PDB file of N, CA and C in Angstrom:
ATOM      1  N   MET A   1     -21.411 -17.148  -1.313  1.00  0.00           N
ATOM      2  CA  MET A   1     -20.960 -15.754  -1.783  1.00  0.00           C
ATOM      3  C   MET A   1     -22.465 -15.254  -2.525  1.00  0.00           C
ATOM      4  N   THR A   2     -22.712 -14.371  -2.739  1.00  0.00           N
ATOM      5  CA  THR A   2     -23.601 -12.908  -2.918  1.00  0.00           C
ATOM      6  C   THR A   2     -23.466 -13.739  -4.876  1.00  0.00           C
ATOM      7  N   THR A   3     -24.823 -13.782  -5.335  1.00  0.00           N
ATOM      8  CA  THR A   3     -23.570 -13.261  -7.239  1.00  0.00           C
ATOM      9  C   THR A   3     -23.324 -11.883  -7.503  1.00  0.00           C
ATOM     10  N   PRO A   4     -22.495 -12.103  -8.357  1.00  0.00           N
ATOM     11  CA  PRO A   4     -21.869 -10.669  -8.694  1.00  0.00           C
ATOM     12  C   PRO A   4     -23.366  -9.654  -9.780  1.00  0.00           C
ATOM     13  N   ASP A   5     -23.550  -8.501  -8.992  1.00  0.00           N
ATOM     14  CA  ASP A   5     -24.791  -7.809  -9.753  1.00  0.00           C
ATOM     15  C   ASP A   5     -24.035  -7.052 -10.968  1.00  0.00           C
ATOM     16  N   GLU A   6     -24.228  -6.794 -11.452  1.00  0.00           N
ATOM     17  CA  GLU A   6     -23.888  -6.335 -13.231  1.00  0.00           C
ATOM     18  C   GLU A   6     -23.320  -4.339 -13.116  1.00  0.00           C
ATOM     19  N   SER A   7     -22.460  -4.609 -12.244  1.00  0.00           N
ATOM     20  CA  SER A   7     -22.154  -2.927 -12.000  1.00  0.00           C
ATOM     21  C   SER A   7     -21.219  -2.271 -13.372  1.00  0.00           C
ATOM     22  N   PRO A   8     -21.256  -1.474 -13.514  1.00  0.00           N
ATOM     23  CA  PRO A   8     -20.650  -0.303 -14.571  1.00  0.00           C
ATOM     24  C   PRO A   8     -19.040  -0.914 -15.280  1.00  0.00           C
ATOM     25  N   ARG A   9     -18.817  -1.470 -13.688  1.00  0.00           N
ATOM     26  CA  ARG A   9     -17.226  -1.547 -13.801  1.00  0.00           C
ATOM     27  C   ARG A   9     -17.356  -3.504 -14.202  1.00  0.00           C
ATOM     28  N   ARG A  10     -18.511  -3.861 -14.429  1.00  0.00           N
ATOM     29  CA  ARG A  10     -18.329  -5.858 -15.358  1.00  0.00           C
ATOM     30  C   ARG A  10     -18.443  -5.358 -16.776  1.00  0.00           C
ATOM     31  N   GLN A  11     -19.847  -4.436 -16.229  1.00  0.00           N
ATOM     32  CA  GLN A  11     -20.294  -4.437 -17.180  1.00  0.00           C
ATOM     33  C   GLN A  11     -18.287  -4.065 -18.926  1.00  0.00           C
ATOM     34  N   HIS A  12     -18.241  -3.298 -18.841  1.00  0.00           N
ATOM     35  CA  HIS A  12     -17.563  -2.428 -19.404  1.00  0.00           C
ATOM     36  C   HIS A  12     -15.815  -3.694 -19.631  1.00  0.00           C
ATOM     37  N   VAL A  13     -15.724  -4.670 -17.870  1.00  0.00           N
ATOM     38  CA  VAL A  13     -14.908  -5.393 -18.520  1.00  0.00           C
ATOM     39  C   VAL A  13     -15.393  -7.041 -19.339  1.00  0.00           C
ATOM     40  N   ALA A  14     -16.663  -7.148 -19.238  1.00  0.00           N
ATOM     41  CA  ALA A  14     -17.683  -7.978 -19.947  1.00  0.00           C
ATOM     42  C   ALA A  14     -17.279  -7.981 -22.118  1.00  0.00           C
ATOM     43  N   ARG A  15     -17.570  -6.297 -21.828  1.00  0.00           N
ATOM     44  CA  ARG A  15     -17.405  -6.353 -22.734  1.00  0.00           C
ATOM     45  C   ARG A  15     -15.816  -6.120 -23.664  1.00  0.00           C
ATOM     46  N   LEU A  16     -14.596  -6.238 -22.917  1.00  0.00           N
ATOM     47  CA  LEU A  16     -13.432  -6.430 -23.921  1.00  0.00           C
ATOM     48  C   LEU A  16     -12.904  -7.789 -23.835  1.00  0.00           C
ATOM     49  N   PHE A  17     -13.566  -8.386 -23.196  1.00  0.00           N
ATOM     50  CA  PHE A  17     -13.162  -9.425 -23.457  1.00  0.00           C
ATOM     51  C   PHE A  17     -13.935 -10.763 -22.941  1.00  0.00           C
ATOM     52  N   ASP A  18     -13.724 -12.194 -23.443  1.00  0.00           N
ATOM     53  CA  ASP A  18     -14.222 -12.547 -24.040  1.00  0.00           C
ATOM     54  C   ASP A  18     -13.694 -14.461 -22.856  1.00  0.00           C
ATOM     55  N   PHE A  19     -15.109 -13.972 -22.007  1.00  0.00           N
ATOM     56  CA  PHE A  19     -15.030 -15.271 -21.102  1.00  0.00           C
ATOM     57  C   PHE A  19     -15.158 -16.446 -20.782  1.00  0.00           C
ATOM     58  N   SER A  20     -15.541 -16.807 -21.895  1.00  0.00           N
ATOM     59  CA  SER A  20     -16.911 -18.239 -22.326  1.00  0.00           C
ATOM     60  C   SER A  20     -15.478 -19.342 -22.898  1.00  0.00           C
ATOM     61  N   ARG A  21     -14.054 -18.902 -23.072  1.00  0.00           N
ATOM     62  CA  ARG A  21     -13.281 -19.852 -22.742  1.00  0.00           C
ATOM     63  C   ARG A  21     -12.156 -19.847 -22.886  1.00  0.00           C
ATOM     64  N   GLY A  22     -11.348 -20.692 -22.545  1.00  0.00           N
ATOM     65  CA  GLY A  22      -9.838 -21.591 -21.610  1.00  0.00           C
ATOM     66  C   GLY A  22      -9.881 -20.306 -19.790  1.00  0.00           C
ATOM     67  N   ARG A  23      -9.003 -20.617 -19.511  1.00  0.00           N
ATOM     68  CA  ARG A  23      -8.780 -20.146 -17.710  1.00  0.00           C
ATOM     69  C   ARG A  23      -8.446 -19.125 -18.262  1.00  0.00           C
ATOM     70  N   ARG A  24      -9.373 -18.077 -16.636  1.00  0.00           N
ATOM     71  CA  ARG A  24      -9.288 -16.522 -16.054  1.00  0.00           C
ATOM     72  C   ARG A  24      -8.240 -17.125 -14.858  1.00  0.00           C
ATOM     73  N   LEU A  25      -7.450 -15.852 -14.082  1.00  0.00           N
ATOM     74  CA  LEU A  25      -6.963 -15.406 -13.096  1.00  0.00           C
ATOM     75  C   LEU A  25      -7.004 -14.380 -13.186  1.00  0.00           C
ATOM     76  N   GLU A  26      -7.775 -13.323 -11.705  1.00  0.00           N
ATOM     77  CA  GLU A  26      -7.796 -12.942 -11.213  1.00  0.00           C
ATOM     78  C   GLU A  26      -7.421 -11.844 -10.299  1.00  0.00           C
ATOM     79  N   ILE A  27      -6.755 -10.812 -10.284  1.00  0.00           N
ATOM     80  CA  ILE A  27      -6.052 -10.406  -8.838  1.00  0.00           C
ATOM     81  C   ILE A  27      -6.474  -9.914  -8.080  1.00  0.00           C
ATOM     82  N   GLY A  28      -6.462  -9.954  -6.984  1.00  0.00           N
ATOM     83  CA  GLY A  28      -7.036  -8.446  -6.366  1.00  0.00           C
ATOM     84  C   GLY A  28      -7.703  -7.819  -6.395  1.00  0.00           C
ATOM     85  N   LEU A  29      -9.316  -9.131  -6.080  1.00  0.00           N
ATOM     86  CA  LEU A  29     -11.260  -9.263  -5.870  1.00  0.00           C
ATOM     87  C   LEU A  29     -11.737  -8.590  -4.582  1.00  0.00           C
ATOM     88  N   LEU A  30     -10.721  -8.809  -4.405  1.00  0.00           N
ATOM     89  CA  LEU A  30     -11.564  -8.450  -1.907  1.00  0.00           C
ATOM     90  C   LEU A  30     -12.656  -9.444  -2.653  1.00  0.00           C
ATOM     91  N   ASP A  31     -13.403  -8.375  -2.241  1.00  0.00           N
ATOM     92  CA  ASP A  31     -15.557  -8.923  -2.751  1.00  0.00           C
ATOM     93  C   ASP A  31     -16.172  -8.765  -3.519  1.00  0.00           C
ATOM     94  N   LYS A  32     -15.146  -9.170  -4.699  1.00  0.00           N
ATOM     95  CA  LYS A  32     -15.946  -7.956  -5.720  1.00  0.00           C
ATOM     96  C   LYS A  32     -14.998  -8.358  -6.740  1.00  0.00           C
ATOM     97  N   PRO A  33     -15.575 -10.183  -6.761  1.00  0.00           N
ATOM     98  CA  PRO A  33     -14.847 -10.833  -8.540  1.00  0.00           C
ATOM     99  C   PRO A  33     -15.237  -9.834  -9.807  1.00  0.00           C
ATOM    100  N   LEU A  34     -15.337  -9.794 -10.781  1.00  0.00           N
ATOM    101  CA  LEU A  34     -15.409  -9.454 -11.798  1.00  0.00           C
ATOM    102  C   LEU A  34     -16.077 -10.435 -11.686  1.00  0.00           C
ATOM    103  N   VAL A  35     -15.918 -11.576 -12.189  1.00  0.00           N
ATOM    104  CA  VAL A  35     -15.790 -13.356 -13.074  1.00  0.00           C
ATOM    105  C   VAL A  35     -16.357 -14.085 -12.307  1.00  0.00           C
ATOM    106  N   SER A  36     -17.708 -15.195 -11.865  1.00  0.00           N
ATOM    107  CA  SER A  36     -18.107 -15.346 -10.867  1.00  0.00           C
ATOM    108  C   SER A  36     -17.678 -17.040 -11.549  1.00  0.00           C
ATOM    109  N   PRO A  37     -17.046 -18.216 -10.563  1.00  0.00           N
ATOM    110  CA  PRO A  37     -16.231 -19.746 -10.914  1.00  0.00           C
ATOM    111  C   PRO A  37     -17.406 -20.258 -11.874  1.00  0.00           C
ATOM    112  N   SER A  38     -18.785 -20.031 -11.193  1.00  0.00           N
ATOM    113  CA  SER A  38     -20.196 -21.036 -11.792  1.00  0.00           C
ATOM    114  C   SER A  38     -20.345 -20.754 -13.497  1.00  0.00           C
ATOM    115  N   SER A  39     -19.777 -19.772 -13.770  1.00  0.00           N
ATOM    116  CA  SER A  39     -20.132 -19.232 -14.753  1.00  0.00           C
ATOM    117  C   SER A  39     -18.580 -19.352 -16.147  1.00  0.00           C
ATOM    118  N   VAL A  40     -17.620 -19.505 -15.632  1.00  0.00           N
ATOM    119  CA  VAL A  40     -16.387 -19.635 -15.764  1.00  0.00           C
ATOM    120  C   VAL A  40     -15.066 -19.822 -15.219  1.00  0.00           C
ATOM    121  N   ASP A  41     -14.167 -20.762 -16.392  1.00  0.00           N
ATOM    122  CA  ASP A  41     -13.145 -21.005 -15.623  1.00  0.00           C
ATOM    123  C   ASP A  41     -11.881 -19.737 -14.538  1.00  0.00           C
ATOM    124  N   VAL A  42     -12.376 -20.108 -13.056  1.00  0.00           N
ATOM    125  CA  VAL A  42     -11.044 -18.697 -12.994  1.00  0.00           C
ATOM    126  C   VAL A  42     -10.684 -19.385 -11.875  1.00  0.00           C
ATOM    127  N   ARG A  43      -9.537 -18.772 -11.263  1.00  0.00           N
ATOM    128  CA  ARG A  43      -9.011 -18.573 -10.133  1.00  0.00           C
ATOM    129  C   ARG A  43      -8.739 -17.562  -9.422  1.00  0.00           C
ATOM    130  N   TYR A  44      -8.474 -16.906  -8.609  1.00  0.00           N
ATOM    131  CA  TYR A  44      -8.154 -15.538  -7.868  1.00  0.00           C
ATOM    132  C   TYR A  44      -6.742 -15.807  -7.068  1.00  0.00           C
ATOM    133  N   ALA A  45      -6.433 -14.768  -7.469  1.00  0.00           N
ATOM    134  CA  ALA A  45      -4.872 -14.414  -6.537  1.00  0.00           C
ATOM    135  C   ALA A  45      -5.207 -13.394  -5.609  1.00  0.00           C
ATOM    136  N   ASP A  46      -4.602 -13.194  -4.369  1.00  0.00           N
ATOM    137  CA  ASP A  46      -5.341 -12.044  -3.816  1.00  0.00           C
ATOM    138  C   ASP A  46      -3.652 -12.325  -2.453  1.00  0.00           C
ATOM    139  N   GLY A  47      -3.222 -11.203  -1.383  1.00  0.00           N
ATOM    140  CA  GLY A  47      -1.837 -11.215  -1.150  1.00  0.00           C
ATOM    141  C   GLY A  47      -2.823 -12.645  -0.025  1.00  0.00           C
ATOM    142  N   TYR A  48      -3.467 -12.956  -0.112  1.00  0.00           N
ATOM    143  CA  TYR A  48      -3.896 -14.076   1.654  1.00  0.00           C
ATOM    144  C   TYR A  48      -3.888 -14.625   1.386  1.00  0.00           C
ATOM    145  N   PRO A  49      -4.734 -15.108   2.884  1.00  0.00           N
ATOM    146  CA  PRO A  49      -5.456 -16.441   2.124  1.00  0.00           C
ATOM    147  C   PRO A  49      -7.118 -16.033   2.585  1.00  0.00           C
ATOM    148  N   ARG A  50      -8.510 -16.439   1.845  1.00  0.00           N
ATOM    149  CA  ARG A  50      -9.650 -15.780   2.412  1.00  0.00           C
ATOM    150  C   ARG A  50      -9.613 -16.087   3.652  1.00  0.00           C
ATOM    151  N   GLU A  51      -9.339 -16.463   4.426  1.00  0.00           N
ATOM    152  CA  GLU A  51      -9.713 -16.271   6.655  1.00  0.00           C
ATOM    153  C   GLU A  51      -8.475 -14.755   6.581  1.00  0.00           C
ATOM    154  N   ARG A  52      -7.725 -14.910   6.275  1.00  0.00           N
ATOM    155  CA  ARG A  52      -7.529 -13.478   6.319  1.00  0.00           C
ATOM    156  C   ARG A  52      -7.145 -12.549   6.040  1.00  0.00           C
ATOM    157  N   LEU A  53      -8.284 -12.677   4.838  1.00  0.00           N
ATOM    158  CA  LEU A  53      -8.563 -11.142   4.137  1.00  0.00           C
ATOM    159  C   LEU A  53     -10.155 -11.103   4.547  1.00  0.00           C
ATOM    160  N   VAL A  54     -10.507 -12.412   5.459  1.00  0.00           N
ATOM    161  CA  VAL A  54     -11.574 -11.833   6.190  1.00  0.00           C
ATOM    162  C   VAL A  54     -11.880 -10.960   7.436  1.00  0.00           C
ATOM    163  N   ALA A  55     -10.654 -11.735   8.356  1.00  0.00           N
ATOM    164  CA  ALA A  55     -10.516 -10.935   9.340  1.00  0.00           C
ATOM    165  C   ALA A  55      -9.756  -9.861   9.411  1.00  0.00           C
ATOM    166  N   MET A  56      -9.118  -9.177   8.190  1.00  0.00           N
ATOM    167  CA  MET A  56      -8.551  -7.708   8.357  1.00  0.00           C
ATOM    168  C   MET A  56      -9.870  -7.420   8.070  1.00  0.00           C
ATOM    169  N   HIS A  57     -10.977  -7.486   7.153  1.00  0.00           N
ATOM    170  CA  HIS A  57     -12.182  -6.438   6.464  1.00  0.00           C
ATOM    171  C   HIS A  57     -12.986  -6.913   7.559  1.00  0.00           C
ATOM    172  N   ARG A  58     -13.548  -7.657   8.218  1.00  0.00           N
ATOM    173  CA  ARG A  58     -14.506  -7.603   8.572  1.00  0.00           C
ATOM    174  C   ARG A  58     -15.557  -6.265   8.955  1.00  0.00           C
ATOM    175  N   ASN A  59     -14.637  -5.809   9.881  1.00  0.00           N
ATOM    176  CA  ASN A  59     -15.335  -4.255  10.463  1.00  0.00           C
ATOM    177  C   ASN A  59     -15.230  -3.048   9.567  1.00  0.00           C
ATOM    178  N   SER A  60     -14.832  -3.155   7.945  1.00  0.00           N
ATOM    179  CA  SER A  60     -14.155  -2.653   7.233  1.00  0.00           C
ATOM    180  C   SER A  60     -15.987  -2.297   6.494  1.00  0.00           C
ATOM    181  N   PRO A  61     -16.951  -1.539   6.561  1.00  0.00           N
ATOM    182  CA  PRO A  61     -18.508  -1.296   5.478  1.00  0.00           C
ATOM    183  C   PRO A  61     -18.396  -1.838   4.756  1.00  0.00           C
ATOM    184  N   PRO A  62     -17.456  -1.071   3.660  1.00  0.00           N
ATOM    185  CA  PRO A  62     -17.720  -1.146   2.770  1.00  0.00           C
ATOM    186  C   PRO A  62     -17.147  -2.823   1.693  1.00  0.00           C
ATOM    187  N   ILE A  63     -16.332  -3.161   2.210  1.00  0.00           N
ATOM    188  CA  ILE A  63     -15.896  -4.826   2.464  1.00  0.00           C
ATOM    189  C   ILE A  63     -17.265  -5.806   3.064  1.00  0.00           C
ATOM    190  N   THR A  64     -17.797  -6.097   2.180  1.00  0.00           N
ATOM    191  CA  THR A  64     -19.104  -7.411   2.605  1.00  0.00           C
ATOM    192  C   THR A  64     -18.207  -8.558   2.353  1.00  0.00           C
ATOM    193  N   VAL A  65     -17.640  -8.886   3.950  1.00  0.00           N
ATOM    194  CA  VAL A  65     -17.220 -10.434   4.276  1.00  0.00           C
ATOM    195  C   VAL A  65     -17.571 -11.897   3.375  1.00  0.00           C
ATOM    196  N   GLU A  66     -18.357 -11.891   3.290  1.00  0.00           N
ATOM    197  CA  GLU A  66     -19.690 -12.765   2.652  1.00  0.00           C
ATOM    198  C   GLU A  66     -19.114 -13.097   1.214  1.00  0.00           C
ATOM    199  N   ASP A  67     -18.706 -11.912   0.942  1.00  0.00           N
ATOM    200  CA  ASP A  67     -17.938 -12.465  -0.532  1.00  0.00           C
ATOM    201  C   ASP A  67     -16.536 -12.282  -1.070  1.00  0.00           C
ATOM    202  N   VAL A  68     -16.057 -11.935  -0.032  1.00  0.00           N
ATOM    203  CA  VAL A  68     -14.843 -12.936  -0.229  1.00  0.00           C
ATOM    204  C   VAL A  68     -14.783 -14.950  -0.222  1.00  0.00           C
ATOM    205  N   PRO A  69     -14.691 -14.459  -2.111  1.00  0.00           N
ATOM    206  CA  PRO A  69     -14.051 -16.536  -2.246  1.00  0.00           C
ATOM    207  C   PRO A  69     -13.007 -16.968  -2.226  1.00  0.00           C
ATOM    208  N   GLU A  70     -12.653 -18.309  -1.871  1.00  0.00           N
ATOM    209  CA  GLU A  70     -11.901 -18.396  -1.615  1.00  0.00           C
ATOM    210  C   GLU A  70     -10.755 -18.168  -2.074  1.00  0.00           C
ATOM    211  N   ILE A  71      -9.287 -18.204  -1.855  1.00  0.00           N
ATOM    212  CA  ILE A  71      -8.169 -17.467  -2.775  1.00  0.00           C
ATOM    213  C   ILE A  71      -7.785 -18.712  -3.200  1.00  0.00           C
ATOM    214  N   ASP A  72      -7.092 -18.820  -4.637  1.00  0.00           N
ATOM    215  CA  ASP A  72      -6.876 -20.211  -5.150  1.00  0.00           C
ATOM    216  C   ASP A  72      -4.657 -19.663  -5.121  1.00  0.00           C
ATOM    217  N   PHE A  73      -4.453 -18.381  -5.173  1.00  0.00           N
ATOM    218  CA  PHE A  73      -2.802 -18.508  -4.873  1.00  0.00           C
ATOM    219  C   PHE A  73      -2.955 -16.993  -4.098  1.00  0.00           C
ATOM    220  N   PRO A  74      -2.902 -17.332  -2.456  1.00  0.00           N
ATOM    221  CA  PRO A  74      -2.673 -16.930  -1.660  1.00  0.00           C
ATOM    222  C   PRO A  74      -1.035 -16.357  -1.855  1.00  0.00           C
ATOM    223  N   LEU A  75      -0.370 -15.370  -1.865  1.00  0.00           N
ATOM    224  CA  LEU A  75       0.969 -14.967  -2.365  1.00  0.00           C
ATOM    225  C   LEU A  75       1.669 -14.103  -1.003  1.00  0.00           C
ATOM    226  N   TRP A  76       1.025 -13.668  -0.578  1.00  0.00           N
ATOM    227  CA  TRP A  76       1.436 -13.362   0.606  1.00  0.00           C
ATOM    228  C   TRP A  76       2.250 -15.148   2.034  1.00  0.00           C
ATOM    229  N   GLY A  77       3.956 -15.084   2.148  1.00  0.00           N
ATOM    230  CA  GLY A  77       4.848 -15.815   1.959  1.00  0.00           C
ATOM    231  C   GLY A  77       5.325 -15.664   3.857  1.00  0.00           C
ATOM    232  N   GLY A  78       4.581 -14.809   4.344  1.00  0.00           N
ATOM    233  CA  GLY A  78       5.241 -14.536   6.139  1.00  0.00           C
ATOM    234  C   GLY A  78       6.314 -13.145   5.641  1.00  0.00           C
ATOM    235  N   ALA A  79       7.523 -13.619   5.255  1.00  0.00           N
ATOM    236  CA  ALA A  79       8.616 -12.958   4.659  1.00  0.00           C
ATOM    237  C   ALA A  79       8.316 -12.259   3.749  1.00  0.00           C
ATOM    238  N   GLY A  80       7.450 -12.094   2.846  1.00  0.00           N
ATOM    239  CA  GLY A  80       7.730 -11.205   2.119  1.00  0.00           C
ATOM    240  C   GLY A  80       6.188 -12.416   0.151  1.00  0.00           C
ATOM    241  N   ILE A  81       6.200 -11.581  -0.451  1.00  0.00           N
ATOM    242  CA  ILE A  81       5.566 -11.634  -1.326  1.00  0.00           C
ATOM    243  C   ILE A  81       5.810 -12.954  -2.650  1.00  0.00           C
ATOM    244  N   ARG A  82       5.080 -13.905  -2.547  1.00  0.00           N
ATOM    245  CA  ARG A  82       5.885 -15.440  -3.738  1.00  0.00           C
ATOM    246  C   ARG A  82       5.245 -15.605  -4.595  1.00  0.00           C
ATOM    247  N   THR A  83       5.927 -15.584  -5.117  1.00  0.00           N
ATOM    248  CA  THR A  83       5.900 -15.790  -6.609  1.00  0.00           C
ATOM    249  C   THR A  83       5.228 -17.255  -7.151  1.00  0.00           C
ATOM    250  N   PHE A  84       4.353 -17.269  -8.376  1.00  0.00           N
ATOM    251  CA  PHE A  84       3.526 -18.142  -9.108  1.00  0.00           C
ATOM    252  C   PHE A  84       4.251 -19.290  -8.842  1.00  0.00           C
ATOM    253  N   ALA A  85       5.876 -19.044  -9.055  1.00  0.00           N
ATOM    254  CA  ALA A  85       5.975 -20.582  -9.227  1.00  0.00           C
ATOM    255  C   ALA A  85       6.712 -20.798  -7.944  1.00  0.00           C
ATOM    256  N   GLU A  86       7.025 -20.107  -6.737  1.00  0.00           N
ATOM    257  CA  GLU A  86       6.919 -20.491  -5.796  1.00  0.00           C
ATOM    258  C   GLU A  86       6.420 -20.879  -4.418  1.00  0.00           C
ATOM    259  N   ARG A  87       5.389 -20.551  -5.084  1.00  0.00           N
ATOM    260  CA  ARG A  87       3.460 -20.709  -5.135  1.00  0.00           C
ATOM    261  C   ARG A  87       3.134 -22.334  -5.344  1.00  0.00           C
ATOM    262  N   ARG A  88       3.410 -22.661  -6.464  1.00  0.00           N
ATOM    263  CA  ARG A  88       3.572 -24.056  -7.099  1.00  0.00           C
ATOM    264  C   ARG A  88       3.799 -25.065  -5.877  1.00  0.00           C
ATOM    265  N   ARG A  89       5.195 -24.782  -5.882  1.00  0.00           N
ATOM    266  CA  ARG A  89       6.782 -25.727  -5.772  1.00  0.00           C
ATOM    267  C   ARG A  89       6.374 -26.103  -4.031  1.00  0.00           C
ATOM    268  N   ARG A  90       5.625 -25.731  -3.578  1.00  0.00           N
ATOM    269  CA  ARG A  90       5.326 -25.912  -2.174  1.00  0.00           C
ATOM    270  C   ARG A  90       4.228 -27.087  -1.996  1.00  0.00           C
ATOM    271  N   GLY A  91       4.105 -28.248  -2.978  1.00  0.00           N
ATOM    272  CA  GLY A  91       3.435 -28.561  -3.621  1.00  0.00           C
ATOM    273  C   GLY A  91       2.619 -28.849  -3.754  1.00  0.00           C
ATOM    274  N   ARG A  92       1.622 -27.512  -4.059  1.00  0.00           N
ATOM    275  CA  ARG A  92       0.133 -27.356  -4.472  1.00  0.00           C
ATOM    276  C   ARG A  92      -0.272 -28.131  -6.191  1.00  0.00           C
ATOM    277  N   PRO A  93      -1.439 -28.576  -6.104  1.00  0.00           N
ATOM    278  CA  PRO A  93      -1.848 -28.602  -7.217  1.00  0.00           C
ATOM    279  C   PRO A  93      -1.560 -28.025  -8.592  1.00  0.00           C
ATOM    280  N   SER A  94      -0.687 -28.200  -9.782  1.00  0.00           N
ATOM    281  CA  SER A  94      -0.964 -27.206 -10.468  1.00  0.00           C
ATOM    282  C   SER A  94      -1.345 -26.374 -10.925  1.00  0.00           C
ATOM    283  N   THR A  95      -2.503 -26.270 -10.627  1.00  0.00           N
ATOM    284  CA  THR A  95      -3.729 -25.390 -10.728  1.00  0.00           C
ATOM    285  C   THR A  95      -3.454 -23.837 -10.142  1.00  0.00           C
ATOM    286  N   GLY A  96      -3.378 -24.691  -9.588  1.00  0.00           N
ATOM    287  CA  GLY A  96      -3.666 -23.589  -7.774  1.00  0.00           C
ATOM    288  C   GLY A  96      -4.688 -24.178  -6.971  1.00  0.00           C
ATOM    289  N   SER A  97      -5.895 -24.813  -7.558  1.00  0.00           N
ATOM    290  CA  SER A  97      -6.493 -24.896  -6.712  1.00  0.00           C
ATOM    291  C   SER A  97      -7.096 -26.363  -6.611  1.00  0.00           C
ATOM    292  N   SER A  98      -7.695 -26.664  -5.174  1.00  0.00           N
ATOM    293  CA  SER A  98      -8.274 -27.502  -5.189  1.00  0.00           C
ATOM    294  C   SER A  98      -9.290 -27.696  -5.357  1.00  0.00           C
ATOM    295  N   ARG A  99     -10.111 -27.068  -6.408  1.00  0.00           N
ATOM    296  CA  ARG A  99     -11.235 -27.386  -6.471  1.00  0.00           C
ATOM    297  C   ARG A  99     -11.800 -28.378  -8.434  1.00  0.00           C
ATOM    298  N   ALA A 100     -12.248 -28.568  -8.868  1.00  0.00           N
ATOM    299  CA  ALA A 100     -12.848 -29.887  -9.686  1.00  0.00           C
ATOM    300  C   ALA A 100     -12.154 -29.235 -10.727  1.00  0.00           C
ATOM    301  N   VAL A 101     -11.674 -28.968 -12.063  1.00  0.00           N
ATOM    302  CA  VAL A 101     -11.009 -28.795 -13.080  1.00  0.00           C
ATOM    303  C   VAL A 101     -12.458 -28.750 -14.119  1.00  0.00           C
TER     304      VAL A 101
END
């Protein structure tokens, strides 16, 4: 994954929120996360796992599929969107991630 650039959107969010403490959840980021796990304790949620997002957007010019991160909370359950509680009940770690905390 490439290092996120300092886009106006990212700069605006950084002025609004203090990311130096606590755990964060970013939802629906696709290939443009606002925060990076290398600098912040962040988890990502999206409709699908990374592999499916990459397959869906492989030929979408504005999307850089190499920048789509691993999705900690893929919410699509085949028959519909699952809640975070339902996602955790399926034997997932309570952090929703296999990454070290």
